[in-house]
Amino acid sequence: DLLGWVVASYSIGQLIASPVFGKMANWLGRSRDPLVVSLIINILANILYAYLEDIQHSRVICLIAARTLIGFGAGSSFCYT
């Protein structure tokens, strides 16, 4: 059950982020800001994911949150293709 949520959380993050970054890209025009924001989110989420072993409490929630944020950061890739 847990593995399914971990795998699905990445796609849920992408599903939420794609319209957000699409609107941001349309609003800003030819700007790299949405891409920079998504890269920062992705870097921070990967750092959280890397340090999951050091987290003592709510590790499962942090795992799912990190995967969701990694998917959210990857959501801008559809705006620039």
N, C-alpha and C. Protein backbone atom coordinates (compact mmCIF):
# COMPACT_ATOMS: atom_id res chain seq x y z
N ASP A 1 0.82 -1.19 0.00
CA ASP A 1 0.00 0.00 0.00
C ASP A 1 0.87 1.26 0.00
N LEU A 2 1.89 1.24 0.84
CA LEU A 2 2.77 2.41 0.95
C LEU A 2 3.53 2.65 -0.35
N LEU A 3 4.03 1.61 -0.96
CA LEU A 3 4.78 1.76 -2.19
C LEU A 3 3.93 2.39 -3.30
N GLY A 4 2.67 2.03 -3.35
CA GLY A 4 1.76 2.62 -4.33
C GLY A 4 1.61 4.12 -4.13
N TRP A 5 1.49 4.55 -2.88
CA TRP A 5 1.38 5.98 -2.59
C TRP A 5 2.67 6.72 -2.91
N VAL A 6 3.80 6.09 -2.64
CA VAL A 6 5.09 6.72 -2.93
C VAL A 6 5.26 6.91 -4.43
N VAL A 7 4.91 5.90 -5.20
CA VAL A 7 5.04 5.99 -6.66
C VAL A 7 4.03 6.99 -7.23
N ALA A 8 2.81 6.97 -6.73
CA ALA A 8 1.76 7.85 -7.24
C ALA A 8 1.98 9.30 -6.85
N SER A 9 2.65 9.56 -5.75
CA SER A 9 2.82 10.94 -5.30
C SER A 9 3.62 11.78 -6.29
N TYR A 10 4.56 11.18 -6.99
CA TYR A 10 5.32 11.90 -8.02
C TYR A 10 4.38 12.39 -9.12
N SER A 11 3.52 11.51 -9.59
CA SER A 11 2.58 11.88 -10.65
C SER A 11 1.56 12.89 -10.16
N ILE A 12 1.15 12.79 -8.92
CA ILE A 12 0.21 13.77 -8.37
C ILE A 12 0.86 15.14 -8.32
N GLY A 13 2.12 15.19 -7.91
CA GLY A 13 2.84 16.46 -7.91
C GLY A 13 2.95 17.07 -9.29
N GLN A 14 3.23 16.25 -10.29
CA GLN A 14 3.30 16.73 -11.66
C GLN A 14 1.93 17.20 -12.14
N LEU A 15 0.89 16.48 -11.77
CA LEU A 15 -0.47 16.83 -12.17
C LEU A 15 -0.86 18.19 -11.62
N ILE A 16 -0.46 18.48 -10.41
CA ILE A 16 -0.78 19.76 -9.79
C ILE A 16 0.08 20.88 -10.38
N ALA A 17 1.34 20.61 -10.63
CA ALA A 17 2.28 21.64 -11.05
C ALA A 17 2.15 22.06 -12.51
N SER A 18 1.75 21.16 -13.37
CA SER A 18 1.71 21.50 -14.79
C SER A 18 0.82 22.70 -15.09
N PRO A 19 -0.42 22.75 -14.59
CA PRO A 19 -1.22 23.96 -14.85
C PRO A 19 -0.68 25.19 -14.15
N VAL A 20 -0.10 25.01 -12.96
CA VAL A 20 0.45 26.16 -12.22
C VAL A 20 1.60 26.79 -13.00
N PHE A 21 2.55 25.97 -13.44
CA PHE A 21 3.67 26.50 -14.19
C PHE A 21 3.25 26.96 -15.58
N GLY A 22 2.23 26.34 -16.16
CA GLY A 22 1.72 26.79 -17.45
C GLY A 22 1.13 28.19 -17.35
N LYS A 23 0.32 28.42 -16.32
CA LYS A 23 -0.24 29.76 -16.11
C LYS A 23 0.86 30.78 -15.83
N MET A 24 1.85 30.37 -15.02
CA MET A 24 2.95 31.27 -14.70
C MET A 24 3.74 31.62 -15.95
N ALA A 25 3.97 30.64 -16.80
CA ALA A 25 4.72 30.88 -18.04
C ALA A 25 3.93 31.78 -18.99
N ASN A 26 2.62 31.59 -19.07
CA ASN A 26 1.80 32.46 -19.92
C ASN A 26 1.75 33.88 -19.38
N TRP A 27 1.70 34.01 -18.07
CA TRP A 27 1.61 35.32 -17.44
C TRP A 27 2.91 36.10 -17.59
N LEU A 28 4.04 35.41 -17.46
CA LEU A 28 5.33 36.08 -17.53
C LEU A 28 5.87 36.22 -18.95
N GLY A 29 5.29 35.50 -19.88
CA GLY A 29 5.78 35.57 -21.26
C GLY A 29 7.06 34.77 -21.43
N ARG A 30 7.98 35.32 -22.20
CA ARG A 30 9.26 34.62 -22.44
C ARG A 30 10.20 34.89 -21.27
N SER A 31 10.00 34.12 -20.23
CA SER A 31 10.80 34.28 -19.02
C SER A 31 11.26 32.91 -18.56
N ARG A 32 12.40 32.89 -17.88
CA ARG A 32 12.91 31.63 -17.35
C ARG A 32 12.51 31.43 -15.89
N ASP A 33 11.77 32.36 -15.33
CA ASP A 33 11.41 32.30 -13.92
C ASP A 33 10.68 31.01 -13.52
N PRO A 34 9.68 30.55 -14.29
CA PRO A 34 9.04 29.28 -13.90
C PRO A 34 10.01 28.10 -13.88
N LEU A 35 10.94 28.09 -14.81
CA LEU A 35 11.93 27.02 -14.85
C LEU A 35 12.87 27.10 -13.66
N VAL A 36 13.28 28.30 -13.30
CA VAL A 36 14.17 28.48 -12.15
C VAL A 36 13.47 28.08 -10.86
N VAL A 37 12.20 28.48 -10.72
CA VAL A 37 11.43 28.12 -9.53
C VAL A 37 11.30 26.60 -9.42
N SER A 38 11.00 25.96 -10.53
CA SER A 38 10.85 24.50 -10.49
C SER A 38 12.17 23.80 -10.18
N LEU A 39 13.27 24.33 -10.67
CA LEU A 39 14.57 23.73 -10.37
C LEU A 39 14.92 23.88 -8.89
N ILE A 40 14.61 25.04 -8.31
CA ILE A 40 14.86 25.24 -6.88
C ILE A 40 14.01 24.29 -6.05
N ILE A 41 12.73 24.16 -6.40
CA ILE A 41 11.85 23.22 -5.69
C ILE A 41 12.39 21.81 -5.82
N ASN A 42 12.81 21.44 -7.00
CA ASN A 42 13.33 20.09 -7.24
C ASN A 42 14.60 19.83 -6.45
N ILE A 43 15.50 20.79 -6.39
CA ILE A 43 16.74 20.63 -5.63
C ILE A 43 16.44 20.47 -4.14
N LEU A 44 15.59 21.33 -3.60
CA LEU A 44 15.25 21.25 -2.17
C LEU A 44 14.53 19.95 -1.83
N ALA A 45 13.64 19.50 -2.73
CA ALA A 45 12.93 18.25 -2.49
C ALA A 45 13.87 17.05 -2.55
N ASN A 46 14.84 17.09 -3.44
CA ASN A 46 15.82 16.00 -3.51
C ASN A 46 16.73 15.98 -2.29
N ILE A 47 17.03 17.16 -1.74
CA ILE A 47 17.81 17.20 -0.50
C ILE A 47 17.00 16.58 0.64
N LEU A 48 15.71 16.92 0.72
CA LEU A 48 14.85 16.30 1.73
C LEU A 48 14.80 14.79 1.54
N TYR A 49 14.69 14.35 0.31
CA TYR A 49 14.64 12.92 -0.01
C TYR A 49 15.94 12.22 0.39
N ALA A 50 17.06 12.92 0.21
CA ALA A 50 18.35 12.33 0.54
C ALA A 50 18.55 12.18 2.05
N TYR A 51 17.95 13.06 2.83
CA TYR A 51 18.12 13.03 4.28
C TYR A 51 16.99 12.32 5.02
N LEU A 52 16.23 11.50 4.34
CA LEU A 52 15.12 10.79 4.99
C LEU A 52 15.61 9.83 6.08
N GLU A 53 16.78 9.30 5.92
CA GLU A 53 17.32 8.38 6.93
C GLU A 53 17.53 9.06 8.28
N ASP A 54 17.83 10.36 8.25
CA ASP A 54 18.09 11.10 9.49
C ASP A 54 16.82 11.56 10.19
N ILE A 55 15.68 11.50 9.51
CA ILE A 55 14.42 11.93 10.11
C ILE A 55 13.88 10.80 10.97
N GLN A 56 13.58 11.11 12.21
CA GLN A 56 13.11 10.09 13.15
C GLN A 56 11.59 9.98 13.19
N HIS A 57 10.90 11.11 13.14
CA HIS A 57 9.44 11.11 13.28
C HIS A 57 8.80 11.42 11.93
N SER A 58 7.71 10.78 11.65
CA SER A 58 6.92 11.00 10.43
C SER A 58 7.73 10.78 9.17
N ARG A 59 8.53 9.75 9.14
CA ARG A 59 9.38 9.47 7.98
C ARG A 59 8.54 9.14 6.75
N VAL A 60 7.44 8.43 6.92
CA VAL A 60 6.60 8.05 5.79
C VAL A 60 5.95 9.29 5.18
N ILE A 61 5.49 10.19 6.02
CA ILE A 61 4.88 11.42 5.52
C ILE A 61 5.92 12.26 4.79
N CYS A 62 7.13 12.34 5.32
CA CYS A 62 8.20 13.09 4.66
C CYS A 62 8.59 12.44 3.34
N LEU A 63 8.55 11.12 3.27
CA LEU A 63 8.86 10.41 2.04
C LEU A 63 7.85 10.76 0.96
N ILE A 64 6.57 10.71 1.30
CA ILE A 64 5.53 11.02 0.32
C ILE A 64 5.57 12.50 -0.05
N ALA A 65 5.83 13.38 0.93
CA ALA A 65 5.92 14.81 0.65
C ALA A 65 7.11 15.11 -0.26
N ALA A 66 8.24 14.47 -0.01
CA ALA A 66 9.42 14.70 -0.84
C ALA A 66 9.17 14.24 -2.27
N ARG A 67 8.56 13.08 -2.43
CA ARG A 67 8.26 12.59 -3.79
C ARG A 67 7.26 13.50 -4.49
N THR A 68 6.28 14.01 -3.75
CA THR A 68 5.31 14.93 -4.33
C THR A 68 5.99 16.22 -4.78
N LEU A 69 6.87 16.75 -3.95
CA LEU A 69 7.59 17.97 -4.31
C LEU A 69 8.55 17.75 -5.48
N ILE A 70 9.14 16.58 -5.56
CA ILE A 70 10.00 16.27 -6.71
C ILE A 70 9.15 16.25 -7.98
N GLY A 71 7.98 15.65 -7.91
CA GLY A 71 7.06 15.68 -9.04
C GLY A 71 6.58 17.07 -9.37
N PHE A 72 6.35 17.88 -8.32
CA PHE A 72 5.94 19.27 -8.53
C PHE A 72 7.04 20.05 -9.25
N GLY A 73 8.27 19.82 -8.85
CA GLY A 73 9.38 20.49 -9.51
C GLY A 73 9.55 20.03 -10.95
N ALA A 74 9.21 18.81 -11.22
CA ALA A 74 9.32 18.29 -12.59
C ALA A 74 8.13 18.69 -13.45
N GLY A 75 7.11 19.29 -12.86
CA GLY A 75 5.91 19.67 -13.60
C GLY A 75 6.13 20.74 -14.63
N SER A 76 7.19 21.52 -14.50
CA SER A 76 7.44 22.57 -15.48
C SER A 76 8.04 22.03 -16.76
N SER A 77 8.48 20.80 -16.78
CA SER A 77 9.12 20.26 -17.98
C SER A 77 8.14 20.19 -19.15
N PHE A 78 6.86 20.10 -18.86
CA PHE A 78 5.87 20.06 -19.93
C PHE A 78 5.60 21.44 -20.51
N CYS A 79 5.93 22.49 -19.77
CA CYS A 79 5.71 23.85 -20.26
C CYS A 79 6.74 24.26 -21.30
N TYR A 80 7.90 23.63 -21.28
CA TYR A 80 9.01 24.05 -22.13
C TYR A 80 9.32 23.05 -23.23
N THR A 81 8.44 22.10 -23.47
CA THR A 81 8.72 21.14 -24.55
C THR A 81 8.02 21.53 -25.82
